[in-house]
């Protein structure tokens, strides 16, 4: 499983609706509104590296109101929260 943490700058007046749209994208497992320098953080989990471009460049960055993204690829997980179980339920496809 490949995990990417995507920091998202948005139109501040539209954060809730943008978050809801991002959350509906296949491959996005979670979306959080956060304090700090960015508006949203999305967790992207895919099975193949090539799918990252589909989810981030072709989908998240194209949501109306998304101004810019920064992506961090996770190297190693130090904690597991039943992610494989979630994907077995079809949440990651």
PDB file of N, CA and C in Angstrom:
ATOM      1  N   UNK A   1       0.841  -1.170   0.000  1.00  0.00           N
ATOM      2  CA  UNK A   1       0.000   0.000   0.000  1.00  0.00           C
ATOM      3  C   UNK A   1       0.890   1.239   0.000  1.00  0.00           C
ATOM      4  N   UNK A   2       0.583   2.185  -0.849  1.00  0.00           N
ATOM      5  CA  UNK A   2       1.315   3.450  -0.920  1.00  0.00           C
ATOM      6  C   UNK A   2       0.452   4.519  -0.275  1.00  0.00           C
ATOM      7  N   UNK A   3       1.037   5.255   0.657  1.00  0.00           N
ATOM      8  CA  UNK A   3       0.318   6.318   1.353  1.00  0.00           C
ATOM      9  C   UNK A   3       0.947   7.653   1.004  1.00  0.00           C
ATOM     10  N   UNK A   4       0.099   8.621   0.662  1.00  0.00           N
ATOM     11  CA  UNK A   4       0.549   9.983   0.412  1.00  0.00           C
ATOM     12  C   UNK A   4      -0.246  10.924   1.307  1.00  0.00           C
ATOM     13  N   UNK A   5       0.437  11.901   1.853  1.00  0.00           N
ATOM     14  CA  UNK A   5      -0.198  12.958   2.648  1.00  0.00           C
ATOM     15  C   UNK A   5      -0.223  14.180   1.754  1.00  0.00           C
ATOM     16  N   UNK A   6      -1.418  14.691   1.481  1.00  0.00           N
ATOM     17  CA  UNK A   6      -1.565  15.804   0.551  1.00  0.00           C
ATOM     18  C   UNK A   6      -2.047  17.027   1.312  1.00  0.00           C
ATOM     19  N   UNK A   7      -1.227  18.079   1.318  1.00  0.00           N
ATOM     20  CA  UNK A   7      -1.598  19.348   1.921  1.00  0.00           C
ATOM     21  C   UNK A   7      -2.283  20.177   0.841  1.00  0.00           C
ATOM     22  N   UNK A   8      -3.450  20.737   1.176  1.00  0.00           N
ATOM     23  CA  UNK A   8      -4.273  21.405   0.167  1.00  0.00           C
ATOM     24  C   UNK A   8      -4.598  22.827   0.604  1.00  0.00           C
ATOM     25  N   UNK A   9      -4.252  23.789  -0.242  1.00  0.00           N
ATOM     26  CA  UNK A   9      -4.666  25.182  -0.057  1.00  0.00           C
ATOM     27  C   UNK A   9      -5.930  25.380  -0.882  1.00  0.00           C
ATOM     28  N   UNK A  10      -6.939  26.023  -0.282  1.00  0.00           N
ATOM     29  CA  UNK A  10      -8.221  26.197  -0.959  1.00  0.00           C
ATOM     30  C   UNK A  10      -8.705  27.630  -0.871  1.00  0.00           C
ATOM     31  N   UNK A  11      -9.782  27.889  -1.564  1.00  0.00           N
ATOM     32  CA  UNK A  11     -10.540  29.113  -1.375  1.00  0.00           C
ATOM     33  C   UNK A  11     -11.120  29.027   0.036  1.00  0.00           C
ATOM     34  N   UNK A  12     -10.726  29.918   0.956  1.00  0.00           N
ATOM     35  CA  UNK A  12     -11.147  29.793   2.358  1.00  0.00           C
ATOM     36  C   UNK A  12     -12.660  29.803   2.564  1.00  0.00           C
ATOM     37  N   UNK A  13     -13.387  30.446   1.698  1.00  0.00           N
ATOM     38  CA  UNK A  13     -14.843  30.519   1.847  1.00  0.00           C
ATOM     39  C   UNK A  13     -15.524  29.206   1.486  1.00  0.00           C
ATOM     40  N   UNK A  14     -14.775  28.277   0.873  1.00  0.00           N
ATOM     41  CA  UNK A  14     -15.388  27.044   0.376  1.00  0.00           C
ATOM     42  C   UNK A  14     -14.791  25.775   0.973  1.00  0.00           C
ATOM     43  N   UNK A  15     -14.099  25.900   2.088  1.00  0.00           N
ATOM     44  CA  UNK A  15     -13.409  24.738   2.663  1.00  0.00           C
ATOM     45  C   UNK A  15     -14.336  23.537   2.870  1.00  0.00           C
ATOM     46  N   UNK A  16     -15.501  23.690   3.491  1.00  0.00           N
ATOM     47  CA  UNK A  16     -16.335  22.496   3.718  1.00  0.00           C
ATOM     48  C   UNK A  16     -16.767  21.785   2.434  1.00  0.00           C
ATOM     49  N   UNK A  17     -17.167  22.525   1.420  1.00  0.00           N
ATOM     50  CA  UNK A  17     -17.624  21.866   0.192  1.00  0.00           C
ATOM     51  C   UNK A  17     -16.455  21.256  -0.578  1.00  0.00           C
ATOM     52  N   UNK A  18     -15.302  21.909  -0.552  1.00  0.00           N
ATOM     53  CA  UNK A  18     -14.124  21.346  -1.208  1.00  0.00           C
ATOM     54  C   UNK A  18     -13.695  20.070  -0.489  1.00  0.00           C
ATOM     55  N   UNK A  19     -13.701  20.092   0.831  1.00  0.00           N
ATOM     56  CA  UNK A  19     -13.344  18.897   1.610  1.00  0.00           C
ATOM     57  C   UNK A  19     -14.274  17.736   1.270  1.00  0.00           C
ATOM     58  N   UNK A  20     -15.554  18.013   1.152  1.00  0.00           N
ATOM     59  CA  UNK A  20     -16.520  16.958   0.824  1.00  0.00           C
ATOM     60  C   UNK A  20     -16.256  16.387  -0.567  1.00  0.00           C
ATOM     61  N   UNK A  21     -15.924  17.245  -1.527  1.00  0.00           N
ATOM     62  CA  UNK A  21     -15.629  16.769  -2.880  1.00  0.00           C
ATOM     63  C   UNK A  21     -14.353  15.929  -2.908  1.00  0.00           C
ATOM     64  N   UNK A  22     -13.328  16.381  -2.198  1.00  0.00           N
ATOM     65  CA  UNK A  22     -12.070  15.627  -2.146  1.00  0.00           C
ATOM     66  C   UNK A  22     -12.304  14.272  -1.484  1.00  0.00           C
ATOM     67  N   UNK A  23     -13.113  14.236  -0.445  1.00  0.00           N
ATOM     68  CA  UNK A  23     -13.382  12.986   0.278  1.00  0.00           C
ATOM     69  C   UNK A  23     -14.069  11.945  -0.602  1.00  0.00           C
ATOM     70  N   UNK A  24     -14.759  12.376  -1.643  1.00  0.00           N
ATOM     71  CA  UNK A  24     -15.464  11.457  -2.544  1.00  0.00           C
ATOM     72  C   UNK A  24     -14.562  10.848  -3.614  1.00  0.00           C
ATOM     73  N   UNK A  25     -13.342  11.332  -3.741  1.00  0.00           N
ATOM     74  CA  UNK A  25     -12.432  10.840  -4.779  1.00  0.00           C
ATOM     75  C   UNK A  25     -11.911   9.458  -4.398  1.00  0.00           C
ATOM     76  N   UNK A  26     -11.984   8.529  -5.332  1.00  0.00           N
ATOM     77  CA  UNK A  26     -11.463   7.176  -5.093  1.00  0.00           C
ATOM     78  C   UNK A  26      -9.979   7.256  -4.790  1.00  0.00           C
ATOM     79  N   UNK A  27      -9.562   6.610  -3.721  1.00  0.00           N
ATOM     80  CA  UNK A  27      -8.172   6.625  -3.287  1.00  0.00           C
ATOM     81  C   UNK A  27      -7.925   7.561  -2.120  1.00  0.00           C
ATOM     82  N   UNK A  28      -8.864   8.479  -1.874  1.00  0.00           N
ATOM     83  CA  UNK A  28      -8.754   9.366  -0.717  1.00  0.00           C
ATOM     84  C   UNK A  28      -9.441   8.668   0.451  1.00  0.00           C
ATOM     85  N   UNK A  29      -8.682   8.379   1.501  1.00  0.00           N
ATOM     86  CA  UNK A  29      -9.254   7.659   2.638  1.00  0.00           C
ATOM     87  C   UNK A  29      -9.762   8.590   3.725  1.00  0.00           C
ATOM     88  N   UNK A  30      -9.150   9.771   3.853  1.00  0.00           N
ATOM     89  CA  UNK A  30      -9.556  10.726   4.893  1.00  0.00           C
ATOM     90  C   UNK A  30      -9.254  12.126   4.417  1.00  0.00           C
ATOM     91  N   UNK A  31     -10.044  13.082   4.890  1.00  0.00           N
ATOM     92  CA  UNK A  31      -9.784  14.503   4.653  1.00  0.00           C
ATOM     93  C   UNK A  31     -10.019  15.222   5.974  1.00  0.00           C
ATOM     94  N   UNK A  32      -9.074  16.075   6.350  1.00  0.00           N
ATOM     95  CA  UNK A  32      -9.167  16.822   7.596  1.00  0.00           C
ATOM     96  C   UNK A  32      -9.044  18.312   7.322  1.00  0.00           C
ATOM     97  N   UNK A  33      -9.880  19.123   7.958  1.00  0.00           N
ATOM     98  CA  UNK A  33      -9.607  20.556   8.000  1.00  0.00           C
ATOM     99  C   UNK A  33      -8.646  20.751   9.169  1.00  0.00           C
ATOM    100  N   UNK A  34      -7.672  21.627   8.978  1.00  0.00           N
ATOM    101  CA  UNK A  34      -6.600  21.754   9.965  1.00  0.00           C
ATOM    102  C   UNK A  34      -6.261  23.219  10.210  1.00  0.00           C
ATOM    103  N   UNK A  35      -5.585  23.450  11.323  1.00  0.00           N
ATOM    104  CA  UNK A  35      -5.031  24.776  11.583  1.00  0.00           C
ATOM    105  C   UNK A  35      -3.659  24.846  10.934  1.00  0.00           C
ATOM    106  N   UNK A  36      -3.153  26.031  10.781  1.00  0.00           N
ATOM    107  CA  UNK A  36      -1.807  26.185  10.237  1.00  0.00           C
ATOM    108  C   UNK A  36      -1.819  26.808   8.867  1.00  0.00           C
ATOM    109  N   UNK A  37      -0.803  26.494   8.098  1.00  0.00           N
ATOM    110  CA  UNK A  37      -0.593  27.153   6.818  1.00  0.00           C
ATOM    111  C   UNK A  37      -1.387  26.577   5.662  1.00  0.00           C
ATOM    112  N   UNK A  38      -2.004  25.431   5.835  1.00  0.00           N
ATOM    113  CA  UNK A  38      -2.845  24.856   4.788  1.00  0.00           C
ATOM    114  C   UNK A  38      -4.263  24.701   5.325  1.00  0.00           C
ATOM    115  N   UNK A  39      -5.193  24.501   4.419  1.00  0.00           N
ATOM    116  CA  UNK A  39      -6.595  24.409   4.809  1.00  0.00           C
ATOM    117  C   UNK A  39      -7.055  22.974   5.054  1.00  0.00           C
ATOM    118  N   UNK A  40      -6.571  22.053   4.225  1.00  0.00           N
ATOM    119  CA  UNK A  40      -6.997  20.659   4.311  1.00  0.00           C
ATOM    120  C   UNK A  40      -5.798  19.731   4.218  1.00  0.00           C
ATOM    121  N   UNK A  41      -5.925  18.571   4.834  1.00  0.00           N
ATOM    122  CA  UNK A  41      -4.958  17.488   4.666  1.00  0.00           C
ATOM    123  C   UNK A  41      -5.742  16.262   4.221  1.00  0.00           C
ATOM    124  N   UNK A  42      -5.317  15.662   3.110  1.00  0.00           N
ATOM    125  CA  UNK A  42      -5.961  14.448   2.614  1.00  0.00           C
ATOM    126  C   UNK A  42      -4.970  13.296   2.695  1.00  0.00           C
ATOM    127  N   UNK A  43      -5.467  12.165   3.128  1.00  0.00           N
ATOM    128  CA  UNK A  43      -4.680  10.935   3.139  1.00  0.00           C
ATOM    129  C   UNK A  43      -5.092  10.144   1.903  1.00  0.00           C
ATOM    130  N   UNK A  44      -4.103   9.821   1.080  1.00  0.00           N
ATOM    131  CA  UNK A  44      -4.359   9.064  -0.144  1.00  0.00           C
ATOM    132  C   UNK A  44      -3.679   7.718   0.007  1.00  0.00           C
ATOM    133  N   UNK A  45      -4.432   6.665  -0.253  1.00  0.00           N
ATOM    134  CA  UNK A  45      -3.881   5.310  -0.156  1.00  0.00           C
ATOM    135  C   UNK A  45      -4.240   4.555  -1.426  1.00  0.00           C
ATOM    136  N   UNK A  46      -3.207   4.115  -2.137  1.00  0.00           N
ATOM    137  CA  UNK A  46      -3.405   3.375  -3.384  1.00  0.00           C
ATOM    138  C   UNK A  46      -2.492   2.157  -3.391  1.00  0.00           C
ATOM    139  N   UNK A  47      -2.818   1.225  -4.240  1.00  0.00           N
ATOM    140  CA  UNK A  47      -2.022   0.001  -4.312  1.00  0.00           C
ATOM    141  C   UNK A  47      -0.842   0.122  -5.267  1.00  0.00           C
ATOM    142  N   UNK A  48      -0.922   1.019  -6.239  1.00  0.00           N
ATOM    143  CA  UNK A  48       0.135   1.154  -7.240  1.00  0.00           C
ATOM    144  C   UNK A  48       0.597   2.604  -7.324  1.00  0.00           C
ATOM    145  N   UNK A  49       1.892   2.799  -7.464  1.00  0.00           N
ATOM    146  CA  UNK A  49       2.480   4.138  -7.533  1.00  0.00           C
ATOM    147  C   UNK A  49       1.840   4.988  -8.631  1.00  0.00           C
ATOM    148  N   UNK A  50       1.556   4.372  -9.774  1.00  0.00           N
ATOM    149  CA  UNK A  50       0.991   5.097 -10.910  1.00  0.00           C
ATOM    150  C   UNK A  50      -0.372   5.700 -10.590  1.00  0.00           C
ATOM    151  N   UNK A  51      -1.096   5.131  -9.641  1.00  0.00           N
ATOM    152  CA  UNK A  51      -2.425   5.634  -9.276  1.00  0.00           C
ATOM    153  C   UNK A  51      -2.351   6.970  -8.541  1.00  0.00           C
ATOM    154  N   UNK A  52      -1.189   7.304  -7.972  1.00  0.00           N
ATOM    155  CA  UNK A  52      -1.052   8.585  -7.273  1.00  0.00           C
ATOM    156  C   UNK A  52      -1.354   9.759  -8.194  1.00  0.00           C
ATOM    157  N   UNK A  53      -0.860   9.701  -9.423  1.00  0.00           N
ATOM    158  CA  UNK A  53      -1.123  10.781 -10.375  1.00  0.00           C
ATOM    159  C   UNK A  53      -2.612  10.886 -10.680  1.00  0.00           C
ATOM    160  N   UNK A  54      -3.289   9.739 -10.802  1.00  0.00           N
ATOM    161  CA  UNK A  54      -4.736   9.759 -11.055  1.00  0.00           C
ATOM    162  C   UNK A  54      -5.473  10.473  -9.932  1.00  0.00           C
ATOM    163  N   UNK A  55      -5.099  10.151  -8.704  1.00  0.00           N
ATOM    164  CA  UNK A  55      -5.819  10.697  -7.553  1.00  0.00           C
ATOM    165  C   UNK A  55      -5.429  12.151  -7.289  1.00  0.00           C
ATOM    166  N   UNK A  56      -4.137  12.447  -7.274  1.00  0.00           N
ATOM    167  CA  UNK A  56      -3.685  13.775  -6.844  1.00  0.00           C
ATOM    168  C   UNK A  56      -3.694  14.777  -8.001  1.00  0.00           C
ATOM    169  N   UNK A  57      -2.940  14.506  -9.047  1.00  0.00           N
ATOM    170  CA  UNK A  57      -2.829  15.478 -10.143  1.00  0.00           C
ATOM    171  C   UNK A  57      -4.094  15.563 -10.985  1.00  0.00           C
ATOM    172  N   UNK A  58      -4.720  14.427 -11.242  1.00  0.00           N
ATOM    173  CA  UNK A  58      -5.878  14.420 -12.135  1.00  0.00           C
ATOM    174  C   UNK A  58      -7.210  14.617 -11.428  1.00  0.00           C
ATOM    175  N   UNK A  59      -7.246  14.468 -10.110  1.00  0.00           N
ATOM    176  CA  UNK A  59      -8.530  14.593  -9.413  1.00  0.00           C
ATOM    177  C   UNK A  59      -8.519  15.681  -8.337  1.00  0.00           C
ATOM    178  N   UNK A  60      -7.690  15.516  -7.298  1.00  0.00           N
ATOM    179  CA  UNK A  60      -7.706  16.498  -6.197  1.00  0.00           C
ATOM    180  C   UNK A  60      -7.393  17.898  -6.718  1.00  0.00           C
ATOM    181  N   UNK A  61      -6.331  18.025  -7.497  1.00  0.00           N
ATOM    182  CA  UNK A  61      -5.923  19.365  -7.945  1.00  0.00           C
ATOM    183  C   UNK A  61      -6.907  19.991  -8.924  1.00  0.00           C
ATOM    184  N   UNK A  62      -7.816  19.192  -9.471  1.00  0.00           N
ATOM    185  CA  UNK A  62      -8.805  19.698 -10.422  1.00  0.00           C
ATOM    186  C   UNK A  62     -10.125  20.100  -9.752  1.00  0.00           C
ATOM    187  N   UNK A  63     -10.273  19.847  -8.453  1.00  0.00           N
ATOM    188  CA  UNK A  63     -11.487  20.252  -7.747  1.00  0.00           C
ATOM    189  C   UNK A  63     -11.550  21.776  -7.749  1.00  0.00           C
ATOM    190  N   UNK A  64     -12.681  22.321  -8.153  1.00  0.00           N
ATOM    191  CA  UNK A  64     -12.856  23.767  -8.197  1.00  0.00           C
ATOM    192  C   UNK A  64     -12.656  24.355  -6.806  1.00  0.00           C
ATOM    193  N   UNK A  65     -11.758  25.315  -6.691  1.00  0.00           N
ATOM    194  CA  UNK A  65     -11.461  25.938  -5.401  1.00  0.00           C
ATOM    195  C   UNK A  65     -10.166  25.467  -4.780  1.00  0.00           C
ATOM    196  N   UNK A  66      -9.577  24.372  -5.297  1.00  0.00           N
ATOM    197  CA  UNK A  66      -8.250  23.949  -4.833  1.00  0.00           C
ATOM    198  C   UNK A  66      -7.234  24.845  -5.513  1.00  0.00           C
ATOM    199  N   UNK A  67      -6.447  25.539  -4.712  1.00  0.00           N
ATOM    200  CA  UNK A  67      -5.477  26.491  -5.241  1.00  0.00           C
ATOM    201  C   UNK A  67      -4.113  25.866  -5.492  1.00  0.00           C
ATOM    202  N   UNK A  68      -3.703  24.976  -4.565  1.00  0.00           N
ATOM    203  CA  UNK A  68      -2.405  24.306  -4.731  1.00  0.00           C
ATOM    204  C   UNK A  68      -2.346  23.117  -3.782  1.00  0.00           C
ATOM    205  N   UNK A  69      -1.475  22.168  -4.130  1.00  0.00           N
ATOM    206  CA  UNK A  69      -1.265  20.992  -3.287  1.00  0.00           C
ATOM    207  C   UNK A  69       0.229  20.779  -3.085  1.00  0.00           C
ATOM    208  N   UNK A  70       0.554  20.149  -1.971  1.00  0.00           N
ATOM    209  CA  UNK A  70       1.904  19.642  -1.697  1.00  0.00           C
ATOM    210  C   UNK A  70       1.722  18.205  -1.265  1.00  0.00           C
ATOM    211  N   UNK A  71       2.536  17.325  -1.817  1.00  0.00           N
ATOM    212  CA  UNK A  71       2.367  15.902  -1.539  1.00  0.00           C
ATOM    213  C   UNK A  71       3.611  15.326  -0.890  1.00  0.00           C
ATOM    214  N   UNK A  72       3.385  14.544   0.148  1.00  0.00           N
ATOM    215  CA  UNK A  72       4.449  13.832   0.845  1.00  0.00           C
ATOM    216  C   UNK A  72       4.149  12.341   0.751  1.00  0.00           C
ATOM    217  N   UNK A  73       5.117  11.561   0.270  1.00  0.00           N
ATOM    218  CA  UNK A  73       4.959  10.118   0.163  1.00  0.00           C
ATOM    219  C   UNK A  73       5.525   9.480   1.424  1.00  0.00           C
ATOM    220  N   UNK A  74       4.748   8.629   2.043  1.00  0.00           N
ATOM    221  CA  UNK A  74       5.197   7.939   3.255  1.00  0.00           C
ATOM    222  C   UNK A  74       6.141   6.801   2.877  1.00  0.00           C
ATOM    223  N   UNK A  75       7.249   6.699   3.607  1.00  0.00           N
ATOM    224  CA  UNK A  75       8.202   5.616   3.389  1.00  0.00           C
ATOM    225  C   UNK A  75       7.848   4.377   4.208  1.00  0.00           C
ATOM    226  N   UNK A  76       7.517   4.587   5.464  1.00  0.00           N
ATOM    227  CA  UNK A  76       7.323   3.477   6.389  1.00  0.00           C
ATOM    228  C   UNK A  76       6.232   3.847   7.380  1.00  0.00           C
ATOM    229  N   UNK A  77       5.378   2.884   7.695  1.00  0.00           N
ATOM    230  CA  UNK A  77       4.345   3.097   8.702  1.00  0.00           C
ATOM    231  C   UNK A  77       4.839   2.559  10.037  1.00  0.00           C
ATOM    232  N   UNK A  78       4.712   3.367  11.053  1.00  0.00           N
ATOM    233  CA  UNK A  78       5.114   2.943  12.393  1.00  0.00           C
ATOM    234  C   UNK A  78       3.914   2.561  13.241  1.00  0.00           C
ATOM    235  N   UNK A  79       2.727   2.745  12.697  1.00  0.00           N
ATOM    236  CA  UNK A  79       1.514   2.295  13.376  1.00  0.00           C
ATOM    237  C   UNK A  79       0.525   1.863  12.319  1.00  0.00           C
ATOM    238  N   UNK A  80      -0.269   0.899  12.641  1.00  0.00           N
ATOM    239  CA  UNK A  80      -1.302   0.406  11.730  1.00  0.00           C
ATOM    240  C   UNK A  80      -2.646   0.563  12.408  1.00  0.00           C
ATOM    241  N   UNK A  81      -3.626   1.031  11.659  1.00  0.00           N
ATOM    242  CA  UNK A  81      -4.965   1.241  12.205  1.00  0.00           C
ATOM    243  C   UNK A  81      -5.985   0.488  11.373  1.00  0.00           C
ATOM    244  N   UNK A  82      -5.760  -0.818  11.228  1.00  0.00           N
ATOM    245  CA  UNK A  82      -6.674  -1.677  10.490  1.00  0.00           C
ATOM    246  C   UNK A  82      -6.868  -1.226   9.046  1.00  0.00           C
ATOM    247  N   UNK A  83      -5.809  -0.708   8.429  1.00  0.00           N
ATOM    248  CA  UNK A  83      -5.925  -0.236   7.055  1.00  0.00           C
ATOM    249  C   UNK A  83      -6.205  -1.382   6.090  1.00  0.00           C
ATOM    250  N   UNK A  84      -5.548  -2.491   6.282  1.00  0.00           N
ATOM    251  CA  UNK A  84      -5.791  -3.618   5.385  1.00  0.00           C
ATOM    252  C   UNK A  84      -7.231  -4.092   5.498  1.00  0.00           C
ATOM    253  N   UNK A  85      -7.775  -4.065   6.701  1.00  0.00           N
ATOM    254  CA  UNK A  85      -9.172  -4.441   6.892  1.00  0.00           C
ATOM    255  C   UNK A  85     -10.094  -3.490   6.134  1.00  0.00           C
ATOM    256  N   UNK A  86      -9.786  -2.208   6.167  1.00  0.00           N
ATOM    257  CA  UNK A  86     -10.593  -1.216   5.440  1.00  0.00           C
ATOM    258  C   UNK A  86     -10.539  -1.487   3.945  1.00  0.00           C
ATOM    259  N   UNK A  87      -9.361  -1.838   3.429  1.00  0.00           N
ATOM    260  CA  UNK A  87      -9.260  -2.107   1.997  1.00  0.00           C
ATOM    261  C   UNK A  87      -9.951  -3.409   1.649  1.00  0.00           C
ATOM    262  N   UNK A  88      -9.979  -4.371   2.573  1.00  0.00           N
ATOM    263  CA  UNK A  88     -10.706  -5.609   2.315  1.00  0.00           C
ATOM    264  C   UNK A  88     -12.212  -5.345   2.179  1.00  0.00           C
ATOM    265  N   UNK A  89     -12.701  -4.274   2.798  1.00  0.00           N
ATOM    266  CA  UNK A  89     -14.111  -3.922   2.683  1.00  0.00           C
ATOM    267  C   UNK A  89     -14.407  -3.158   1.396  1.00  0.00           C
ATOM    268  N   UNK A  90     -13.366  -2.859   0.611  1.00  0.00           N
ATOM    269  CA  UNK A  90     -13.567  -2.168  -0.640  1.00  0.00           C
ATOM    270  C   UNK A  90     -13.445  -0.667  -0.561  1.00  0.00           C
ATOM    271  N   UNK A  91     -12.992  -0.138   0.558  1.00  0.00           N
ATOM    272  CA  UNK A  91     -12.900   1.310   0.696  1.00  0.00           C
ATOM    273  C   UNK A  91     -11.790   1.903  -0.148  1.00  0.00           C
ATOM    274  N   UNK A  92     -10.814   1.127  -0.543  1.00  0.00           N
ATOM    275  CA  UNK A  92      -9.680   1.673  -1.272  1.00  0.00           C
ATOM    276  C   UNK A  92      -9.749   1.498  -2.768  1.00  0.00           C
ATOM    277  N   UNK A  93     -10.781   0.923  -3.287  1.00  0.00           N
ATOM    278  CA  UNK A  93     -10.848   0.675  -4.738  1.00  0.00           C
ATOM    279  C   UNK A  93     -11.604   1.740  -5.461  1.00  0.00           C
TER     280      UNK A  93
END
